[in-house]
Amino acid sequence: MKAIIGISGRQFHVQDGDIIEIFRVNHKKGEQFSIQDISAIEKDGVLIVDKASLKNYSVLVEVVDEKKGEKIHVFKKKKKTGYHRKIGHRDYISVIKIIGIQTTDATS
């Protein structure tokens, strides 16, 4: 079973066992939580996009690691005035593992 989920302002195409990097979530390393923001599910070759049917599904994930992302450098400069400024930035990243796609409805 595969799903398209929305988390941290982005969408991901996931299935059981996938490991993805997202912007930091409010869960500690080793914690499990579920995601209900699901756009579509592929089950047995059938694509489910009906919002009423998708409310019965959730994706269970576990936080595997927390780290910092790649450093981004921003350099601003104006010619002839001597103005220049260099700024660096690193995002905090959570590495999560997809444990499974669950359903709460027995008929699905």
PDB file of N, CA and C in Angstrom:
ATOM      1  N   MET A   1       0.846  -1.166   0.000  1.00  0.00           N
ATOM      2  CA  MET A   1       0.000   0.000   0.000  1.00  0.00           C
ATOM      3  C   MET A   1       0.901   1.242   0.000  1.00  0.00           C
ATOM      4  N   LYS A   2       0.543   2.225  -0.809  1.00  0.00           N
ATOM      5  CA  LYS A   2       1.298   3.470  -0.907  1.00  0.00           C
ATOM      6  C   LYS A   2       0.371   4.634  -0.569  1.00  0.00           C
ATOM      7  N   ALA A   3       0.968   5.768  -0.164  1.00  0.00           N
ATOM      8  CA  ALA A   3       0.156   6.933   0.185  1.00  0.00           C
ATOM      9  C   ALA A   3       0.899   8.214  -0.170  1.00  0.00           C
ATOM     10  N   ILE A   4       0.133   9.259  -0.384  1.00  0.00           N
ATOM     11  CA  ILE A   4       0.685  10.606  -0.543  1.00  0.00           C
ATOM     12  C   ILE A   4       0.264  11.381   0.692  1.00  0.00           C
ATOM     13  N   ILE A   5       1.267  11.782   1.508  1.00  0.00           N
ATOM     14  CA  ILE A   5       0.985  12.464   2.774  1.00  0.00           C
ATOM     15  C   ILE A   5       1.509  13.888   2.723  1.00  0.00           C
ATOM     16  N   GLY A   6       0.952  14.736   3.550  1.00  0.00           N
ATOM     17  CA  GLY A   6       1.422  16.104   3.694  1.00  0.00           C
ATOM     18  C   GLY A   6       1.949  16.319   5.097  1.00  0.00           C
ATOM     19  N   ILE A   7       3.199  16.748   5.205  1.00  0.00           N
ATOM     20  CA  ILE A   7       3.804  17.030   6.504  1.00  0.00           C
ATOM     21  C   ILE A   7       4.893  18.080   6.315  1.00  0.00           C
ATOM     22  N   SER A   8       5.009  18.986   7.236  1.00  0.00           N
ATOM     23  CA  SER A   8       5.997  20.074   7.199  1.00  0.00           C
ATOM     24  C   SER A   8       5.854  20.938   5.960  1.00  0.00           C
ATOM     25  N   GLY A   9       4.631  21.110   5.473  1.00  0.00           N
ATOM     26  CA  GLY A   9       4.402  21.974   4.328  1.00  0.00           C
ATOM     27  C   GLY A   9       4.777  21.381   2.996  1.00  0.00           C
ATOM     28  N   ARG A  10       5.105  20.093   2.954  1.00  0.00           N
ATOM     29  CA  ARG A  10       5.459  19.428   1.702  1.00  0.00           C
ATOM     30  C   ARG A  10       4.692  18.120   1.594  1.00  0.00           C
ATOM     31  N   GLN A  11       4.648  17.557   0.392  1.00  0.00           N
ATOM     32  CA  GLN A  11       3.987  16.282   0.169  1.00  0.00           C
ATOM     33  C   GLN A  11       5.021  15.217  -0.181  1.00  0.00           C
ATOM     34  N   PHE A  12       4.778  13.998   0.302  1.00  0.00           N
ATOM     35  CA  PHE A  12       5.692  12.892   0.063  1.00  0.00           C
ATOM     36  C   PHE A  12       4.904  11.674  -0.395  1.00  0.00           C
ATOM     37  N   HIS A  13       5.463  10.913  -1.330  1.00  0.00           N
ATOM     38  CA  HIS A  13       4.898   9.648  -1.796  1.00  0.00           C
ATOM     39  C   HIS A  13       5.618   8.555  -1.030  1.00  0.00           C
ATOM     40  N   VAL A  14       4.912   7.848  -0.125  1.00  0.00           N
ATOM     41  CA  VAL A  14       5.560   6.921   0.795  1.00  0.00           C
ATOM     42  C   VAL A  14       4.889   5.554   0.762  1.00  0.00           C
ATOM     43  N   GLN A  15       5.633   4.570   1.260  1.00  0.00           N
ATOM     44  CA  GLN A  15       5.114   3.225   1.493  1.00  0.00           C
ATOM     45  C   GLN A  15       5.805   2.683   2.732  1.00  0.00           C
ATOM     46  N   ASP A  16       5.413   1.489   3.171  1.00  0.00           N
ATOM     47  CA  ASP A  16       5.971   0.898   4.393  1.00  0.00           C
ATOM     48  C   ASP A  16       7.487   0.778   4.290  1.00  0.00           C
ATOM     49  N   GLY A  17       8.184   1.208   5.353  1.00  0.00           N
ATOM     50  CA  GLY A  17       9.634   1.074   5.417  1.00  0.00           C
ATOM     51  C   GLY A  17      10.425   2.243   4.860  1.00  0.00           C
ATOM     52  N   ASP A  18       9.772   3.218   4.222  1.00  0.00           N
ATOM     53  CA  ASP A  18      10.489   4.376   3.675  1.00  0.00           C
ATOM     54  C   ASP A  18      11.057   5.246   4.792  1.00  0.00           C
ATOM     55  N   ILE A  19      12.203   5.850   4.528  1.00  0.00           N
ATOM     56  CA  ILE A  19      12.824   6.800   5.461  1.00  0.00           C
ATOM     57  C   ILE A  19      12.946   8.126   4.723  1.00  0.00           C
ATOM     58  N   ILE A  20      12.366   9.196   5.310  1.00  0.00           N
ATOM     59  CA  ILE A  20      12.397  10.513   4.675  1.00  0.00           C
ATOM     60  C   ILE A  20      12.881  11.558   5.673  1.00  0.00           C
ATOM     61  N   GLU A  21      13.405  12.663   5.143  1.00  0.00           N
ATOM     62  CA  GLU A  21      13.852  13.789   5.957  1.00  0.00           C
ATOM     63  C   GLU A  21      12.858  14.927   5.797  1.00  0.00           C
ATOM     64  N   ILE A  22      12.390  15.454   6.928  1.00  0.00           N
ATOM     65  CA  ILE A  22      11.439  16.555   6.909  1.00  0.00           C
ATOM     66  C   ILE A  22      11.927  17.638   7.858  1.00  0.00           C
ATOM     67  N   PHE A  23      11.292  18.815   7.801  1.00  0.00           N
ATOM     68  CA  PHE A  23      11.609  19.845   8.775  1.00  0.00           C
ATOM     69  C   PHE A  23      11.191  19.353  10.149  1.00  0.00           C
ATOM     70  N   ARG A  24      11.800  19.878  11.191  1.00  0.00           N
ATOM     71  CA  ARG A  24      11.644  19.353  12.545  1.00  0.00           C
ATOM     72  C   ARG A  24      10.186  19.244  12.977  1.00  0.00           C
ATOM     73  N   VAL A  25       9.854  18.128  13.598  1.00  0.00           N
ATOM     74  CA  VAL A  25       8.532  17.899  14.168  1.00  0.00           C
ATOM     75  C   VAL A  25       8.647  17.979  15.686  1.00  0.00           C
ATOM     76  N   ASN A  26       7.530  18.141  16.353  1.00  0.00           N
ATOM     77  CA  ASN A  26       7.521  18.293  17.809  1.00  0.00           C
ATOM     78  C   ASN A  26       7.453  16.950  18.521  1.00  0.00           C
ATOM     79  N   HIS A  27       8.272  16.009  18.096  1.00  0.00           N
ATOM     80  CA  HIS A  27       8.346  14.699  18.712  1.00  0.00           C
ATOM     81  C   HIS A  27       9.812  14.344  18.908  1.00  0.00           C
ATOM     82  N   LYS A  28      10.102  13.633  19.977  1.00  0.00           N
ATOM     83  CA  LYS A  28      11.481  13.257  20.296  1.00  0.00           C
ATOM     84  C   LYS A  28      11.905  12.007  19.523  1.00  0.00           C
ATOM     85  N   LYS A  29      13.190  11.762  19.540  1.00  0.00           N
ATOM     86  CA  LYS A  29      13.761  10.591  18.869  1.00  0.00           C
ATOM     87  C   LYS A  29      13.197   9.320  19.497  1.00  0.00           C
ATOM     88  N   GLY A  30      12.708   8.395  18.653  1.00  0.00           N
ATOM     89  CA  GLY A  30      12.136   7.147  19.130  1.00  0.00           C
ATOM     90  C   GLY A  30      10.624   7.184  19.308  1.00  0.00           C
ATOM     91  N   GLU A  31      10.022   8.366  19.289  1.00  0.00           N
ATOM     92  CA  GLU A  31       8.569   8.476  19.452  1.00  0.00           C
ATOM     93  C   GLU A  31       7.846   8.102  18.167  1.00  0.00           C
ATOM     94  N   GLN A  32       6.644   7.569  18.329  1.00  0.00           N
ATOM     95  CA  GLN A  32       5.795   7.254  17.194  1.00  0.00           C
ATOM     96  C   GLN A  32       4.590   8.192  17.205  1.00  0.00           C
ATOM     97  N   PHE A  33       4.150   8.593  16.021  1.00  0.00           N
ATOM     98  CA  PHE A  33       2.946   9.400  15.897  1.00  0.00           C
ATOM     99  C   PHE A  33       2.294   9.093  14.569  1.00  0.00           C
ATOM    100  N   SER A  34       1.062   9.548  14.403  1.00  0.00           N
ATOM    101  CA  SER A  34       0.342   9.253  13.167  1.00  0.00           C
ATOM    102  C   SER A  34       0.054  10.537  12.402  1.00  0.00           C
ATOM    103  N   ILE A  35      -0.043  10.401  11.096  1.00  0.00           N
ATOM    104  CA  ILE A  35      -0.326  11.520  10.198  1.00  0.00           C
ATOM    105  C   ILE A  35      -1.680  11.260   9.551  1.00  0.00           C
ATOM    106  N   GLN A  36      -2.595  12.224   9.695  1.00  0.00           N
ATOM    107  CA  GLN A  36      -3.915  12.079   9.093  1.00  0.00           C
ATOM    108  C   GLN A  36      -4.060  12.887   7.806  1.00  0.00           C
ATOM    109  N   ASP A  37      -3.089  13.747   7.487  1.00  0.00           N
ATOM    110  CA  ASP A  37      -3.154  14.566   6.268  1.00  0.00           C
ATOM    111  C   ASP A  37      -2.723  13.711   5.066  1.00  0.00           C
ATOM    112  N   ILE A  38      -3.684  12.985   4.510  1.00  0.00           N
ATOM    113  CA  ILE A  38      -3.418  12.066   3.400  1.00  0.00           C
ATOM    114  C   ILE A  38      -4.176  12.553   2.170  1.00  0.00           C
ATOM    115  N   SER A  39      -3.478  12.688   1.041  1.00  0.00           N
ATOM    116  CA  SER A  39      -4.099  13.156  -0.195  1.00  0.00           C
ATOM    117  C   SER A  39      -4.627  12.009  -1.045  1.00  0.00           C
ATOM    118  N   ALA A  40      -3.926  10.878  -1.057  1.00  0.00           N
ATOM    119  CA  ALA A  40      -4.345   9.733  -1.868  1.00  0.00           C
ATOM    120  C   ALA A  40      -3.703   8.467  -1.323  1.00  0.00           C
ATOM    121  N   ILE A  41      -4.367   7.340  -1.587  1.00  0.00           N
ATOM    122  CA  ILE A  41      -3.841   6.034  -1.189  1.00  0.00           C
ATOM    123  C   ILE A  41      -4.012   5.078  -2.359  1.00  0.00           C
ATOM    124  N   GLU A  42      -2.958   4.309  -2.638  1.00  0.00           N
ATOM    125  CA  GLU A  42      -3.034   3.250  -3.645  1.00  0.00           C
ATOM    126  C   GLU A  42      -3.096   1.916  -2.905  1.00  0.00           C
ATOM    127  N   LYS A  43      -4.234   1.229  -3.054  1.00  0.00           N
ATOM    128  CA  LYS A  43      -4.435  -0.038  -2.353  1.00  0.00           C
ATOM    129  C   LYS A  43      -4.861  -1.085  -3.371  1.00  0.00           C
ATOM    130  N   ASP A  44      -4.057  -2.119  -3.531  1.00  0.00           N
ATOM    131  CA  ASP A  44      -4.334  -3.223  -4.470  1.00  0.00           C
ATOM    132  C   ASP A  44      -4.552  -2.715  -5.896  1.00  0.00           C
ATOM    133  N   GLY A  45      -3.778  -1.734  -6.320  1.00  0.00           N
ATOM    134  CA  GLY A  45      -3.872  -1.208  -7.676  1.00  0.00           C
ATOM    135  C   GLY A  45      -4.994  -0.207  -7.881  1.00  0.00           C
ATOM    136  N   VAL A  46      -5.747   0.131  -6.836  1.00  0.00           N
ATOM    137  CA  VAL A  46      -6.856   1.085  -6.927  1.00  0.00           C
ATOM    138  C   VAL A  46      -6.459   2.360  -6.196  1.00  0.00           C
ATOM    139  N   LEU A  47      -6.638   3.505  -6.848  1.00  0.00           N
ATOM    140  CA  LEU A  47      -6.295   4.792  -6.261  1.00  0.00           C
ATOM    141  C   LEU A  47      -7.515   5.364  -5.544  1.00  0.00           C
ATOM    142  N   ILE A  48      -7.350   5.659  -4.253  1.00  0.00           N
ATOM    143  CA  ILE A  48      -8.428   6.227  -3.436  1.00  0.00           C
ATOM    144  C   ILE A  48      -8.121   7.701  -3.209  1.00  0.00           C
ATOM    145  N   VAL A  49      -9.006   8.590  -3.667  1.00  0.00           N
ATOM    146  CA  VAL A  49      -8.812  10.029  -3.479  1.00  0.00           C
ATOM    147  C   VAL A  49     -10.031  10.681  -2.833  1.00  0.00           C
ATOM    148  N   ASP A  50     -11.062   9.906  -2.517  1.00  0.00           N
ATOM    149  CA  ASP A  50     -12.275  10.425  -1.894  1.00  0.00           C
ATOM    150  C   ASP A  50     -11.961  10.847  -0.457  1.00  0.00           C
ATOM    151  N   LYS A  51     -12.235  12.111  -0.127  1.00  0.00           N
ATOM    152  CA  LYS A  51     -11.894  12.636   1.197  1.00  0.00           C
ATOM    153  C   LYS A  51     -12.620  11.896   2.321  1.00  0.00           C
ATOM    154  N   ALA A  52     -13.859  11.471   2.076  1.00  0.00           N
ATOM    155  CA  ALA A  52     -14.597  10.732   3.095  1.00  0.00           C
ATOM    156  C   ALA A  52     -13.927   9.385   3.384  1.00  0.00           C
ATOM    157  N   SER A  53     -13.433   8.718   2.359  1.00  0.00           N
ATOM    158  CA  SER A  53     -12.755   7.429   2.546  1.00  0.00           C
ATOM    159  C   SER A  53     -11.380   7.612   3.178  1.00  0.00           C
ATOM    160  N   LEU A  54     -10.689   8.711   2.849  1.00  0.00           N
ATOM    161  CA  LEU A  54      -9.335   8.935   3.368  1.00  0.00           C
ATOM    162  C   LEU A  54      -9.333   9.264   4.852  1.00  0.00           C
ATOM    163  N   LYS A  55     -10.466   9.713   5.400  1.00  0.00           N
ATOM    164  CA  LYS A  55     -10.534  10.002   6.841  1.00  0.00           C
ATOM    165  C   LYS A  55     -10.369   8.740   7.673  1.00  0.00           C
ATOM    166  N   ASN A  56     -10.611   7.573   7.074  1.00  0.00           N
ATOM    167  CA  ASN A  56     -10.483   6.303   7.790  1.00  0.00           C
ATOM    168  C   ASN A  56      -9.045   5.794   7.840  1.00  0.00           C
ATOM    169  N   TYR A  57      -8.130   6.460   7.152  1.00  0.00           N
ATOM    170  CA  TYR A  57      -6.742   6.015   7.085  1.00  0.00           C
ATOM    171  C   TYR A  57      -5.828   6.956   7.869  1.00  0.00           C
ATOM    172  N   SER A  58      -4.721   6.396   8.359  1.00  0.00           N
ATOM    173  CA  SER A  58      -3.663   7.196   8.974  1.00  0.00           C
ATOM    174  C   SER A  58      -2.332   6.502   8.698  1.00  0.00           C
ATOM    175  N   VAL A  59      -1.266   7.276   8.706  1.00  0.00           N
ATOM    176  CA  VAL A  59       0.075   6.740   8.458  1.00  0.00           C
ATOM    177  C   VAL A  59       0.848   6.818   9.767  1.00  0.00           C
ATOM    178  N   LEU A  60       1.327   5.685  10.258  1.00  0.00           N
ATOM    179  CA  LEU A  60       2.086   5.618  11.498  1.00  0.00           C
ATOM    180  C   LEU A  60       3.571   5.785  11.182  1.00  0.00           C
ATOM    181  N   VAL A  61       4.219   6.753  11.841  1.00  0.00           N
ATOM    182  CA  VAL A  61       5.638   7.033  11.593  1.00  0.00           C
ATOM    183  C   VAL A  61       6.393   7.069  12.917  1.00  0.00           C
ATOM    184  N   GLU A  62       7.706   6.880  12.826  1.00  0.00           N
ATOM    185  CA  GLU A  62       8.581   6.931  13.997  1.00  0.00           C
ATOM    186  C   GLU A  62       9.747   7.869  13.698  1.00  0.00           C
ATOM    187  N   VAL A  63      10.100   8.706  14.671  1.00  0.00           N
ATOM    188  CA  VAL A  63      11.248   9.602  14.514  1.00  0.00           C
ATOM    189  C   VAL A  63      12.510   8.792  14.752  1.00  0.00           C
ATOM    190  N   VAL A  64      13.356   8.703  13.727  1.00  0.00           N
ATOM    191  CA  VAL A  64      14.577   7.904  13.804  1.00  0.00           C
ATOM    192  C   VAL A  64      15.749   8.744  14.293  1.00  0.00           C
ATOM    193  N   ASP A  65      15.834   9.993  13.825  1.00  0.00           N
ATOM    194  CA  ASP A  65      16.986  10.828  14.154  1.00  0.00           C
ATOM    195  C   ASP A  65      16.603  12.297  14.020  1.00  0.00           C
ATOM    196  N   GLU A  66      17.337  13.147  14.716  1.00  0.00           N
ATOM    197  CA  GLU A  66      17.205  14.592  14.586  1.00  0.00           C
ATOM    198  C   GLU A  66      18.588  15.150  14.295  1.00  0.00           C
ATOM    199  N   LYS A  67      18.677  16.019  13.291  1.00  0.00           N
ATOM    200  CA  LYS A  67      19.976  16.562  12.913  1.00  0.00           C
ATOM    201  C   LYS A  67      19.797  17.932  12.285  1.00  0.00           C
ATOM    202  N   LYS A  68      20.905  18.537  11.905  1.00  0.00           N
ATOM    203  CA  LYS A  68      20.874  19.811  11.198  1.00  0.00           C
ATOM    204  C   LYS A  68      21.091  19.567   9.713  1.00  0.00           C
ATOM    205  N   GLY A  69      20.455  20.376   8.903  1.00  0.00           N
ATOM    206  CA  GLY A  69      20.576  20.236   7.465  1.00  0.00           C
ATOM    207  C   GLY A  69      21.831  20.893   6.928  1.00  0.00           C
ATOM    208  N   GLU A  70      21.922  20.950   5.623  1.00  0.00           N
ATOM    209  CA  GLU A  70      23.066  21.544   4.946  1.00  0.00           C
ATOM    210  C   GLU A  70      23.068  23.057   5.141  1.00  0.00           C
ATOM    211  N   LYS A  71      24.251  23.649   5.265  1.00  0.00           N
ATOM    212  CA  LYS A  71      24.362  25.091   5.465  1.00  0.00           C
ATOM    213  C   LYS A  71      24.093  25.828   4.156  1.00  0.00           C
ATOM    214  N   ILE A  72      23.274  26.856   4.265  1.00  0.00           N
ATOM    215  CA  ILE A  72      22.944  27.699   3.123  1.00  0.00           C
ATOM    216  C   ILE A  72      23.587  29.057   3.356  1.00  0.00           C
ATOM    217  N   HIS A  73      24.356  29.541   2.376  1.00  0.00           N
ATOM    218  CA  HIS A  73      25.015  30.838   2.479  1.00  0.00           C
ATOM    219  C   HIS A  73      24.263  31.870   1.654  1.00  0.00           C
ATOM    220  N   VAL A  74      24.021  33.024   2.262  1.00  0.00           N
ATOM    221  CA  VAL A  74      23.380  34.136   1.566  1.00  0.00           C
ATOM    222  C   VAL A  74      24.364  35.297   1.597  1.00  0.00           C
ATOM    223  N   PHE A  75      24.695  35.837   0.437  1.00  0.00           N
ATOM    224  CA  PHE A  75      25.642  36.943   0.349  1.00  0.00           C
ATOM    225  C   PHE A  75      24.983  38.107  -0.382  1.00  0.00           C
ATOM    226  N   LYS A  76      24.933  39.254   0.292  1.00  0.00           N
ATOM    227  CA  LYS A  76      24.351  40.453  -0.312  1.00  0.00           C
ATOM    228  C   LYS A  76      25.471  41.462  -0.552  1.00  0.00           C
ATOM    229  N   LYS A  77      25.389  42.165  -1.684  1.00  0.00           N
ATOM    230  CA  LYS A  77      26.433  43.135  -1.999  1.00  0.00           C
ATOM    231  C   LYS A  77      25.856  44.232  -2.878  1.00  0.00           C
ATOM    232  N   LYS A  78      26.291  45.460  -2.616  1.00  0.00           N
ATOM    233  CA  LYS A  78      25.948  46.585  -3.489  1.00  0.00           C
ATOM    234  C   LYS A  78      27.253  47.173  -4.004  1.00  0.00           C
ATOM    235  N   LYS A  79      27.326  47.333  -5.307  1.00  0.00           N
ATOM    236  CA  LYS A  79      28.551  47.845  -5.907  1.00  0.00           C
ATOM    237  C   LYS A  79      28.780  49.304  -5.506  1.00  0.00           C
ATOM    238  N   LYS A  80      30.017  49.680  -5.469  1.00  0.00           N
ATOM    239  CA  LYS A  80      30.491  51.059  -5.309  1.00  0.00           C
ATOM    240  C   LYS A  80      30.201  51.677  -3.943  1.00  0.00           C
ATOM    241  N   THR A  81      29.354  51.066  -3.117  1.00  0.00           N
ATOM    242  CA  THR A  81      29.070  51.644  -1.801  1.00  0.00           C
ATOM    243  C   THR A  81      29.830  50.923  -0.695  1.00  0.00           C
ATOM    244  N   GLY A  82      30.401  49.768  -1.003  1.00  0.00           N
ATOM    245  CA  GLY A  82      31.150  49.018  -0.001  1.00  0.00           C
ATOM    246  C   GLY A  82      30.263  48.164   0.896  1.00  0.00           C
ATOM    247  N   TYR A  83      28.990  48.074   0.561  1.00  0.00           N
ATOM    248  CA  TYR A  83      28.071  47.287   1.380  1.00  0.00           C
ATOM    249  C   TYR A  83      28.162  45.811   0.987  1.00  0.00           C
ATOM    250  N   HIS A  84      28.399  44.951   1.966  1.00  0.00           N
ATOM    251  CA  HIS A  84      28.344  43.519   1.758  1.00  0.00           C
ATOM    252  C   HIS A  84      27.989  42.855   3.080  1.00  0.00           C
ATOM    253  N   ARG A  85      27.269  41.739   2.963  1.00  0.00           N
ATOM    254  CA  ARG A  85      26.815  41.044   4.157  1.00  0.00           C
ATOM    255  C   ARG A  85      26.710  39.553   3.834  1.00  0.00           C
ATOM    256  N   LYS A  86      27.236  38.717   4.724  1.00  0.00           N
ATOM    257  CA  LYS A  86      27.186  37.276   4.539  1.00  0.00           C
ATOM    258  C   LYS A  86      26.425  36.658   5.710  1.00  0.00           C
ATOM    259  N   ILE A  87      25.435  35.828   5.376  1.00  0.00           N
ATOM    260  CA  ILE A  87      24.608  35.188   6.388  1.00  0.00           C
ATOM    261  C   ILE A  87      24.583  33.690   6.099  1.00  0.00           C
ATOM    262  N   GLY A  88      24.627  32.885   7.132  1.00  0.00           N
ATOM    263  CA  GLY A  88      24.507  31.444   6.984  1.00  0.00           C
ATOM    264  C   GLY A  88      23.277  30.949   7.725  1.00  0.00           C
ATOM    265  N   HIS A  89      22.703  29.832   7.251  1.00  0.00           N
ATOM    266  CA  HIS A  89      21.488  29.296   7.854  1.00  0.00           C
ATOM    267  C   HIS A  89      21.468  27.780   7.720  1.00  0.00           C
ATOM    268  N   ARG A  90      21.041  27.086   8.789  1.00  0.00           N
ATOM    269  CA  ARG A  90      20.866  25.625   8.760  1.00  0.00           C
ATOM    270  C   ARG A  90      19.521  25.285   9.371  1.00  0.00           C
ATOM    271  N   ASP A  91      18.732  24.480   8.673  1.00  0.00           N
ATOM    272  CA  ASP A  91      17.448  24.028   9.191  1.00  0.00           C
ATOM    273  C   ASP A  91      17.647  22.820  10.098  1.00  0.00           C
ATOM    274  N   TYR A  92      16.757  22.670  11.072  1.00  0.00           N
ATOM    275  CA  TYR A  92      16.723  21.456  11.879  1.00  0.00           C
ATOM    276  C   TYR A  92      15.865  20.436  11.141  1.00  0.00           C
ATOM    277  N   ILE A  93      16.357  19.205  11.062  1.00  0.00           N
ATOM    278  CA  ILE A  93      15.703  18.167  10.273  1.00  0.00           C
ATOM    279  C   ILE A  93      15.408  16.958  11.160  1.00  0.00           C
ATOM    280  N   SER A  94      14.232  16.377  10.967  1.00  0.00           N
ATOM    281  CA  SER A  94      13.878  15.113  11.603  1.00  0.00           C
ATOM    282  C   SER A  94      13.867  14.029  10.522  1.00  0.00           C
ATOM    283  N   VAL A  95      14.498  12.909  10.821  1.00  0.00           N
ATOM    284  CA  VAL A  95      14.487  11.756   9.922  1.00  0.00           C
ATOM    285  C   VAL A  95      13.419  10.819  10.460  1.00  0.00           C
ATOM    286  N   ILE A  96      12.404  10.522   9.609  1.00  0.00           N
ATOM    287  CA  ILE A  96      11.313   9.671  10.066  1.00  0.00           C
ATOM    288  C   ILE A  96      11.228   8.417   9.201  1.00  0.00           C
ATOM    289  N   LYS A  97      10.720   7.342   9.814  1.00  0.00           N
ATOM    290  CA  LYS A  97      10.535   6.068   9.118  1.00  0.00           C
ATOM    291  C   LYS A  97       9.044   5.757   9.099  1.00  0.00           C
ATOM    292  N   ILE A  98       8.545   5.369   7.932  1.00  0.00           N
ATOM    293  CA  ILE A  98       7.144   5.010   7.779  1.00  0.00           C
ATOM    294  C   ILE A  98       6.971   3.577   8.292  1.00  0.00           C
ATOM    295  N   ILE A  99       6.203   3.414   9.352  1.00  0.00           N
ATOM    296  CA  ILE A  99       5.974   2.085   9.926  1.00  0.00           C
ATOM    297  C   ILE A  99       4.850   1.363   9.199  1.00  0.00           C
ATOM    298  N   GLY A 100       3.777   2.077   8.902  1.00  0.00           N
ATOM    299  CA  GLY A 100       2.680   1.428   8.193  1.00  0.00           C
ATOM    300  C   GLY A 100       1.523   2.357   7.927  1.00  0.00           C
ATOM    301  N   ILE A 101       0.662   1.950   7.023  1.00  0.00           N
ATOM    302  CA  ILE A 101      -0.552   2.690   6.709  1.00  0.00           C
ATOM    303  C   ILE A 101      -1.702   1.911   7.342  1.00  0.00           C
ATOM    304  N   GLN A 102      -2.424   2.568   8.251  1.00  0.00           N
ATOM    305  CA  GLN A 102      -3.458   1.902   9.020  1.00  0.00           C
ATOM    306  C   GLN A 102      -4.838   2.367   8.594  1.00  0.00           C
ATOM    307  N   THR A 103      -5.804   1.518   8.796  1.00  0.00           N
ATOM    308  CA  THR A 103      -7.182   1.881   8.562  1.00  0.00           C
ATOM    309  C   THR A 103      -7.979   1.643   9.847  1.00  0.00           C
ATOM    310  N   THR A 104      -8.960   2.505  10.098  1.00  0.00           N
ATOM    311  CA  THR A 104      -9.806   2.356  11.267  1.00  0.00           C
ATOM    312  C   THR A 104     -11.122   1.666  10.907  1.00  0.00           C
ATOM    313  N   ASP A 105     -11.429   1.595   9.616  1.00  0.00           N
ATOM    314  CA  ASP A 105     -12.660   0.996   9.126  1.00  0.00           C
ATOM    315  C   ASP A 105     -12.386  -0.450   8.730  1.00  0.00           C
ATOM    316  N   ALA A 106     -13.188  -1.383   9.207  1.00  0.00           N
ATOM    317  CA  ALA A 106     -12.956  -2.801   8.911  1.00  0.00           C
ATOM    318  C   ALA A 106     -13.346  -3.191   7.489  1.00  0.00           C
ATOM    319  N   THR A 107     -14.190  -2.384   6.831  1.00  0.00           N
ATOM    320  CA  THR A 107     -14.643  -2.726   5.484  1.00  0.00           C
ATOM    321  C   THR A 107     -13.659  -2.331   4.407  1.00  0.00           C
ATOM    322  N   SER A 108     -12.703  -1.452   4.694  1.00  0.00           N
ATOM    323  CA  SER A 108     -11.763  -0.978   3.661  1.00  0.00           C
ATOM    324  C   SER A 108     -10.653  -1.938   3.421  1.00  0.00           C
TER     325      SER A 108
END
